[in-house]
Amino acid sequence: MVKTDKVRVGMIGCGGIATGKHLPSLHRLPEVELVGFTDFVEDRARDAAKNFGTEDAKVYTNYEALLEDKSIDVVHVLTPNKSHAEVSIAALEAGKHVMCEKPMATNSADARKMVETARRVGKKLTIGYNNRYRSDSWYLHKLCQAGELGEIYFAKAHAIRRRAVPTWGVFLDKELQGGGPLIDIGTHALDLTLWMMDNYRPKSVVGNVYYKLGKQKNAANAWGPWDPEKFDVEDSAFAFITMENGATIVLESSWALNTLEIGEAKTTLCGTKGGADMQDGLRMNGEHQGRLFSTKVNLDEGGGDYFNGTKELTGADLEAKLWIDAILNDTEPVVTGEQALVVTQILEAIYQSSEQGKVIYF
């Protein structure tokens, strides 16, 4: 908990995810002051400070200098995946609460260190799984919490693009990113599915990771052809996950796949009382009075106060608001480090299973 009604925030990384998501939403919160900006490209940090910072906001080219500012309460870590753990742990050790963009880390050992450090120093740690804050996700989670679907024993985590390979930044660099679509968008779908099921105890994983289309030249792509010489990560990955209670999750992810069945950051849930999916809006299905039924939930009409009185907010705005509220009120963040650790463990196991050609047990 901070001692004033203002939360002073520092940004480590001022690229697209900062200027497109984090900074606009934080800037709209009256209880937030954006006071520090770090990027190895100084002009990016200066532009971010000019557009979103306080008048006396400081600009840095190394995050260690920003962490020395004892007045900063919160740090957002928006760097390439490889440095998420290093920077987050340093920020926690410096006495800051940390919002780290997904994925939490590129391996489970680093992710565990993040959780353990946050516990030891008594600071809050959350991960940027922003798809939890969509209206359909928020509403479906409430239904799951209320037991509307019963015991959810089968689910699918969907993160399938036909041809949408990100060609900018370091997305195609395995060393800096840790992987391709599995760690980039598969992580969102898996987080969403585990959260709906409220099941964080995996038993085993079988995974297959494919490098089939990435080396094609002049390929059709939403963001223009990629450079096959720089395409070091997988182009698709799939997994069969068994939980300790016997539940099954099928995870599918791709940046490039010859399919028309596409859908990103979506989940399908099958329970003992009913089912739900996000394939064509939010759809519910089940049985009533001896008849099967299906219905599409309309989230745009009626009194659906699914955002706890903040229905007018975007998902990014809600993510920022609830994160800052957790700090001001000393409550648990919506996304906990412990939950994100399990996501990282499963992703790591998928890569290991594919590489070793065997089942990975937890």
Protein backbone atom coordinates (compact mmCIF):
# COMPACT_ATOMS: atom_id res chain seq x y z
CA MET A 1 0.00 0.00 0.00
CA VAL A 2 1.28 3.47 -0.81
CA LYS A 3 1.06 6.19 1.80
CA THR A 4 -0.61 8.84 -0.40
CA ASP A 5 -3.53 8.93 -2.77
CA LYS A 6 -1.14 9.21 -5.71
CA VAL A 7 0.75 6.29 -7.20
CA ARG A 8 4.05 7.23 -8.84
CA VAL A 9 4.82 4.97 -11.80
CA GLY A 10 7.98 4.34 -13.79
CA MET A 11 8.11 2.68 -17.23
CA ILE A 12 10.92 0.35 -18.25
CA GLY A 13 10.55 -0.02 -21.99
CA CYS A 14 8.74 2.63 -24.05
CA GLY A 15 7.96 0.74 -27.25
CA GLY A 16 4.65 -0.14 -28.86
CA ILE A 17 3.13 -2.06 -25.94
CA ALA A 18 3.87 0.92 -23.68
CA THR A 19 2.50 3.67 -25.92
CA GLY A 20 -0.36 1.57 -27.29
CA LYS A 21 -1.65 0.02 -24.08
CA HIS A 22 -0.09 0.86 -20.73
CA LEU A 23 0.63 4.57 -20.95
CA PRO A 24 -2.74 5.77 -22.34
CA SER A 25 -4.68 3.83 -19.70
CA LEU A 26 -2.45 4.86 -16.80
CA HIS A 27 -2.49 8.47 -17.99
CA ARG A 28 -6.29 8.54 -17.72
CA LEU A 29 -6.22 7.59 -14.04
CA PRO A 30 -6.24 10.68 -11.77
CA GLU A 31 -4.50 8.75 -9.01
CA VAL A 32 -1.45 7.98 -11.19
CA GLU A 33 1.60 10.11 -11.87
CA LEU A 34 3.92 8.91 -14.64
CA VAL A 35 7.29 10.16 -13.46
CA GLY A 36 10.02 7.98 -14.98
CA PHE A 37 10.69 6.61 -18.48
CA THR A 38 13.45 4.22 -19.53
CA ASP A 39 14.39 2.90 -22.96
CA PHE A 40 17.73 2.06 -24.55
CA VAL A 41 16.54 4.27 -27.42
CA GLU A 42 16.54 7.61 -25.63
CA ASP A 43 14.23 9.33 -28.11
CA ARG A 44 11.51 6.76 -27.41
CA ALA A 45 11.72 7.46 -23.69
CA ARG A 46 11.69 11.23 -24.28
CA ASP A 47 8.65 11.04 -26.55
CA ALA A 48 6.78 8.92 -24.01
CA ALA A 49 7.66 11.36 -21.22
CA LYS A 50 6.53 14.30 -23.34
CA ASN A 51 3.19 12.71 -24.23
CA PHE A 52 2.29 11.03 -20.94
CA GLY A 53 4.63 12.15 -18.16
CA THR A 54 4.45 14.78 -15.47
CA GLU A 55 6.24 18.08 -16.08
CA ASP A 56 9.21 16.92 -14.05
CA ALA A 57 9.28 13.36 -15.43
CA LYS A 58 12.78 11.95 -15.80
CA VAL A 59 14.21 10.05 -18.74
CA TYR A 60 16.78 7.27 -18.52
CA THR A 61 18.58 4.89 -20.88
CA ASN A 62 19.19 2.23 -18.21
CA TYR A 63 16.64 0.85 -15.78
CA GLU A 64 19.03 0.77 -12.81
CA ALA A 65 19.01 4.57 -12.68
CA LEU A 66 15.20 4.65 -12.63
CA LEU A 67 15.10 2.11 -9.79
CA GLU A 68 17.27 4.38 -7.65
CA ASP A 69 14.38 6.88 -7.45
CA LYS A 70 12.87 5.99 -4.08
CA SER A 71 9.75 8.06 -4.79
CA ILE A 72 8.60 5.63 -7.49
CA ASP A 73 6.00 3.16 -6.13
CA VAL A 74 5.33 1.03 -9.21
CA VAL A 75 7.31 -0.12 -12.22
CA HIS A 76 5.91 -1.52 -15.46
CA VAL A 77 8.36 -3.89 -17.15
CA LEU A 78 7.80 -3.78 -20.93
CA THR A 79 11.08 -5.14 -22.27
CA PRO A 80 11.83 -8.16 -24.53
CA ASN A 81 10.82 -11.43 -22.88
CA LYS A 82 14.37 -12.52 -22.06
CA SER A 83 14.87 -9.64 -19.60
CA HIS A 84 11.44 -9.76 -17.91
CA ALA A 85 12.69 -11.72 -14.89
CA GLU A 86 15.97 -9.83 -14.46
CA VAL A 87 14.35 -6.41 -14.56
CA SER A 88 11.30 -7.41 -12.49
CA ILE A 89 13.42 -8.95 -9.73
CA ALA A 90 15.65 -5.88 -9.61
CA ALA A 91 12.57 -3.64 -9.37
CA LEU A 92 11.08 -5.74 -6.56
CA GLU A 93 14.39 -5.69 -4.70
CA ALA A 94 14.37 -1.90 -5.06
CA GLY A 95 11.03 -1.75 -3.25
CA LYS A 96 8.71 -1.31 -6.23
CA HIS A 97 5.45 -3.07 -7.04
CA VAL A 98 5.78 -4.66 -10.49
CA MET A 99 3.50 -5.06 -13.49
CA CYS A 100 5.38 -7.24 -15.99
CA GLU A 101 4.11 -7.81 -19.49
CA LYS A 102 3.41 -11.36 -20.57
CA PRO A 103 4.94 -13.85 -20.74
CA MET A 104 6.17 -13.73 -17.17
CA ALA A 105 9.57 -15.18 -18.11
CA THR A 106 11.13 -17.44 -20.72
CA ASN A 107 11.57 -20.29 -18.24
CA SER A 108 9.92 -21.48 -15.04
CA ALA A 109 13.03 -21.10 -12.87
CA ASP A 110 13.14 -17.35 -13.53
CA ALA A 111 9.37 -17.08 -13.08
CA ARG A 112 9.62 -18.82 -9.70
CA LYS A 113 12.35 -16.39 -8.63
CA MET A 114 10.02 -13.51 -9.46
CA VAL A 115 7.27 -14.96 -7.26
CA GLU A 116 9.65 -15.77 -4.41
CA THR A 117 11.21 -12.31 -4.52
CA ALA A 118 7.81 -10.59 -4.43
CA ARG A 119 6.84 -12.66 -1.38
CA ARG A 120 10.11 -12.00 0.41
CA VAL A 121 10.13 -8.22 -0.08
CA GLY A 122 6.38 -7.84 0.45
CA LYS A 123 5.62 -6.18 -2.89
CA LYS A 124 2.89 -6.90 -5.41
CA LEU A 125 3.60 -8.65 -8.69
CA THR A 126 1.17 -8.96 -11.59
CA ILE A 127 1.49 -10.04 -15.23
CA GLY A 128 -0.12 -8.36 -18.25
CA TYR A 129 -2.74 -10.95 -19.22
CA ASN A 130 -5.05 -8.25 -20.52
CA ASN A 131 -7.56 -10.61 -22.18
CA ARG A 132 -9.05 -11.33 -18.75
CA TYR A 133 -10.49 -7.82 -18.81
CA ARG A 134 -12.57 -8.13 -21.98
CA SER A 135 -16.31 -7.97 -21.40
CA ASP A 136 -16.89 -11.55 -22.56
CA SER A 137 -14.06 -12.88 -20.40
CA TRP A 138 -15.19 -10.96 -17.33
CA TYR A 139 -18.79 -12.12 -17.67
CA LEU A 140 -17.91 -15.75 -18.35
CA HIS A 141 -15.57 -15.84 -15.38
CA LYS A 142 -18.41 -14.71 -13.13
CA LEU A 143 -20.57 -17.54 -14.47
CA CYS A 144 -17.79 -20.04 -13.83
CA GLN A 145 -17.30 -18.73 -10.29
CA ALA A 146 -21.03 -19.13 -9.67
CA GLY A 147 -20.87 -22.77 -10.77
CA GLU A 148 -23.09 -22.27 -13.83
CA LEU A 149 -21.05 -24.78 -15.86
CA GLY A 150 -20.51 -27.22 -13.03
CA GLU A 151 -17.20 -29.06 -12.97
CA ILE A 152 -15.20 -28.02 -16.05
CA TYR A 153 -13.36 -31.16 -17.11
CA PHE A 154 -12.54 -30.42 -20.77
CA ALA A 155 -11.38 -27.18 -22.36
CA LYS A 156 -9.65 -25.79 -25.42
CA ALA A 157 -7.32 -22.79 -25.43
CA HIS A 158 -7.41 -21.15 -28.87
CA ALA A 159 -4.68 -18.91 -30.31
CA ILE A 160 -4.77 -19.57 -34.05
CA ARG A 161 -3.79 -17.11 -36.76
CA ARG A 162 -3.83 -18.11 -40.42
CA ARG A 163 -1.11 -15.65 -41.53
CA ALA A 164 -0.30 -12.96 -38.98
CA VAL A 165 3.38 -13.17 -38.15
CA PRO A 166 4.66 -10.07 -36.30
CA THR A 167 7.59 -8.88 -38.40
CA TRP A 168 8.75 -5.96 -36.24
CA GLY A 169 10.87 -5.77 -33.10
CA VAL A 170 12.37 -9.01 -31.80
CA PHE A 171 9.36 -11.31 -32.22
CA LEU A 172 11.25 -13.70 -34.51
CA ASP A 173 14.37 -13.83 -32.29
CA LYS A 174 14.32 -16.98 -30.17
CA GLU A 175 17.14 -15.78 -27.95
CA LEU A 176 15.31 -12.63 -26.88
CA GLN A 177 11.71 -13.90 -27.02
CA GLY A 178 12.04 -17.50 -25.87
CA GLY A 179 9.68 -18.74 -28.57
CA GLY A 180 7.06 -17.81 -31.14
CA PRO A 181 3.26 -18.01 -31.12
CA LEU A 182 3.13 -20.39 -28.16
CA ILE A 183 4.82 -17.96 -25.78
CA ASP A 184 3.35 -14.88 -27.48
CA ILE A 185 -0.38 -15.58 -27.98
CA GLY A 186 -0.75 -19.16 -26.75
CA THR A 187 0.11 -17.83 -23.31
CA HIS A 188 -2.99 -15.58 -23.38
CA ALA A 189 -5.33 -18.43 -24.34
CA LEU A 190 -3.87 -20.73 -21.70
CA ASP A 191 -4.11 -18.10 -18.98
CA LEU A 192 -7.71 -17.39 -19.89
CA THR A 193 -8.61 -21.10 -19.79
CA LEU A 194 -6.90 -21.86 -16.46
CA TRP A 195 -8.54 -18.78 -14.93
CA MET A 196 -12.01 -19.87 -16.03
CA MET A 197 -11.43 -23.38 -14.71
CA ASP A 198 -9.76 -22.11 -11.53
CA ASN A 199 -7.40 -25.04 -11.97
CA TYR A 200 -3.66 -24.49 -11.51
CA ARG A 201 -2.43 -28.01 -10.82
CA PRO A 202 -1.07 -29.60 -14.02
CA LYS A 203 -0.08 -33.27 -13.99
CA SER A 204 1.41 -33.88 -17.44
CA VAL A 205 1.93 -32.33 -20.86
CA VAL A 206 2.44 -33.71 -24.36
CA GLY A 207 3.41 -31.07 -26.92
CA ASN A 208 4.43 -30.67 -30.53
CA VAL A 209 6.18 -27.57 -31.84
CA TYR A 210 6.48 -26.97 -35.60
CA TYR A 211 8.93 -25.02 -37.78
CA LYS A 212 7.14 -25.61 -41.08
CA LEU A 213 6.22 -22.28 -42.71
CA GLY A 214 8.70 -19.82 -41.23
CA LYS A 215 11.39 -20.48 -43.80
CA GLN A 216 9.13 -19.73 -46.78
CA LYS A 217 10.14 -16.74 -48.88
CA ASN A 218 7.80 -13.90 -49.90
CA ALA A 219 4.98 -15.45 -47.89
CA ALA A 220 1.57 -13.82 -47.66
CA ASN A 221 1.21 -12.18 -44.27
CA ALA A 222 -0.97 -9.56 -42.60
CA TRP A 223 2.09 -7.40 -41.84
CA GLY A 224 4.06 -8.11 -45.00
CA PRO A 225 6.52 -10.90 -45.79
CA TRP A 226 8.80 -12.01 -43.00
CA ASP A 227 12.53 -12.57 -43.38
CA PRO A 228 13.00 -16.37 -43.32
CA GLU A 229 16.66 -15.89 -42.34
CA LYS A 230 15.56 -14.20 -39.11
CA PHE A 231 12.60 -16.51 -38.35
CA ASP A 232 14.19 -18.52 -35.51
CA VAL A 233 11.03 -19.39 -33.56
CA GLU A 234 8.25 -21.91 -34.19
CA ASP A 235 5.32 -21.00 -36.44
CA SER A 236 2.83 -23.24 -34.59
CA ALA A 237 2.57 -25.36 -31.44
CA PHE A 238 -0.04 -27.70 -29.96
CA ALA A 239 -0.41 -29.51 -26.65
CA PHE A 240 -2.49 -31.96 -24.63
CA ILE A 241 -2.49 -31.02 -20.96
CA THR A 242 -3.79 -33.25 -18.16
CA MET A 243 -4.54 -31.70 -14.78
CA GLU A 244 -4.21 -33.44 -11.41
CA ASN A 245 -7.99 -33.72 -11.05
CA GLY A 246 -8.25 -35.46 -14.44
CA ALA A 247 -9.38 -32.42 -16.43
CA THR A 248 -8.04 -32.05 -19.98
CA ILE A 249 -6.95 -28.91 -21.85
CA VAL A 250 -6.08 -28.84 -25.54
CA LEU A 251 -3.91 -25.84 -26.46
CA GLU A 252 -3.47 -24.69 -30.05
CA SER A 253 -1.37 -21.77 -31.24
CA SER A 254 -0.03 -20.47 -34.53
CA TRP A 255 1.15 -17.37 -36.34
CA ALA A 256 1.01 -19.17 -39.68
CA LEU A 257 -1.14 -22.23 -40.36
CA ASN A 258 -3.13 -23.42 -43.36
CA THR A 259 -6.55 -23.26 -41.74
CA LEU A 260 -9.72 -21.20 -41.91
CA GLU A 261 -10.63 -21.96 -38.29
CA ILE A 262 -8.98 -18.98 -36.64
CA GLY A 263 -9.45 -17.38 -33.25
CA GLU A 264 -7.13 -15.71 -30.77
CA ALA A 265 -7.19 -15.49 -26.98
CA LYS A 266 -10.37 -17.56 -26.80
CA THR A 267 -11.48 -20.52 -24.74
CA THR A 268 -13.97 -23.36 -25.01
CA LEU A 269 -15.24 -24.85 -21.74
CA CYS A 270 -17.18 -28.07 -21.17
CA GLY A 271 -18.64 -28.74 -17.74
CA THR A 272 -21.07 -31.11 -16.05
CA LYS A 273 -23.87 -28.52 -16.06
CA GLY A 274 -23.19 -26.71 -19.32
CA GLY A 275 -20.66 -25.36 -21.75
CA ALA A 276 -19.41 -22.09 -23.19
CA ASP A 277 -17.20 -20.88 -26.00
CA MET A 278 -15.96 -17.64 -27.56
CA GLN A 279 -15.87 -18.81 -31.19
CA ASP A 280 -18.72 -16.59 -32.39
CA GLY A 281 -19.24 -14.14 -29.60
CA LEU A 282 -19.93 -15.63 -26.16
CA ARG A 283 -22.12 -18.71 -26.54
CA MET A 284 -23.60 -20.88 -23.81
CA ASN A 285 -25.02 -24.37 -24.20
CA GLY A 286 -26.62 -27.05 -22.04
CA GLU A 287 -29.73 -29.04 -21.32
CA HIS A 288 -33.02 -27.84 -19.80
CA GLN A 289 -36.27 -29.71 -19.24
CA GLY A 290 -35.15 -32.60 -21.43
CA ARG A 291 -34.10 -30.35 -24.31
CA LEU A 292 -30.71 -29.19 -25.53
CA PHE A 293 -30.25 -25.43 -25.83
CA SER A 294 -27.70 -22.91 -27.01
CA THR A 295 -27.76 -19.15 -26.64
CA LYS A 296 -25.59 -16.19 -27.55
CA VAL A 297 -24.99 -13.75 -24.72
CA ASN A 298 -25.61 -10.10 -25.60
CA LEU A 299 -23.10 -8.04 -23.64
CA ASP A 300 -24.10 -4.72 -25.25
CA GLU A 301 -27.64 -4.42 -23.90
CA GLY A 302 -29.33 -4.74 -20.54
CA GLY A 303 -28.01 -4.08 -17.06
CA GLY A 304 -24.95 -6.28 -17.28
CA ASP A 305 -22.70 -4.54 -14.75
CA TYR A 306 -19.91 -6.95 -15.58
CA PHE A 307 -17.14 -4.46 -14.83
CA ASN A 308 -18.24 -3.73 -11.25
CA GLY A 309 -19.55 -0.30 -12.09
CA THR A 310 -16.91 0.45 -14.73
CA LYS A 311 -18.68 -0.87 -17.83
CA GLU A 312 -17.57 2.13 -19.87
CA LEU A 313 -13.88 1.23 -19.57
CA THR A 314 -11.90 -0.63 -22.21
CA GLY A 315 -10.12 -3.82 -21.22
CA ALA A 316 -6.78 -1.98 -21.06
CA ASP A 317 -8.32 0.74 -18.89
CA LEU A 318 -9.82 -1.82 -16.55
CA GLU A 319 -6.52 -3.67 -16.27
CA ALA A 320 -4.74 -0.46 -15.27
CA LYS A 321 -7.49 0.66 -12.88
CA LEU A 322 -7.74 -2.64 -11.00
CA TRP A 323 -3.96 -2.93 -10.76
CA ILE A 324 -3.62 0.55 -9.24
CA ASP A 325 -6.63 -0.12 -6.98
CA ALA A 326 -4.88 -3.24 -5.66
CA ILE A 327 -1.89 -1.12 -4.69
CA LEU A 328 -3.91 1.68 -3.08
CA ASN A 329 -6.17 -0.75 -1.19
CA ASP A 330 -3.53 -3.41 -0.49
CA THR A 331 -5.55 -6.17 -2.14
CA GLU A 332 -4.55 -9.05 -4.41
CA PRO A 333 -4.13 -8.24 -8.12
CA VAL A 334 -6.53 -9.85 -10.60
CA VAL A 335 -3.56 -11.70 -12.12
CA THR A 336 -1.25 -13.12 -9.47
CA GLY A 337 2.35 -14.13 -9.89
CA GLU A 338 1.51 -17.63 -8.71
CA GLN A 339 -1.08 -18.07 -11.49
CA ALA A 340 1.29 -16.76 -14.16
CA LEU A 341 4.03 -19.10 -12.88
CA VAL A 342 1.83 -22.11 -13.70
CA VAL A 343 1.25 -20.78 -17.22
CA THR A 344 5.02 -20.47 -17.67
CA GLN A 345 5.60 -23.98 -16.32
CA ILE A 346 3.13 -25.46 -18.81
CA LEU A 347 4.55 -23.52 -21.77
CA GLU A 348 8.06 -24.63 -20.86
CA ALA A 349 6.86 -28.24 -20.61
CA ILE A 350 5.34 -28.05 -24.11
CA TYR A 351 8.65 -26.96 -25.59
CA GLN A 352 10.47 -29.67 -23.60
CA SER A 353 8.00 -32.37 -24.63
CA SER A 354 8.39 -31.53 -28.30
CA GLU A 355 12.18 -31.39 -28.10
CA GLN A 356 12.53 -34.60 -26.09
CA GLY A 357 9.69 -36.51 -27.75
CA LYS A 358 8.09 -37.59 -24.49
CA VAL A 359 5.48 -36.77 -21.88
CA ILE A 360 6.57 -34.19 -19.31
CA TYR A 361 5.33 -34.81 -15.78
CA PHE A 362 5.11 -32.18 -13.07
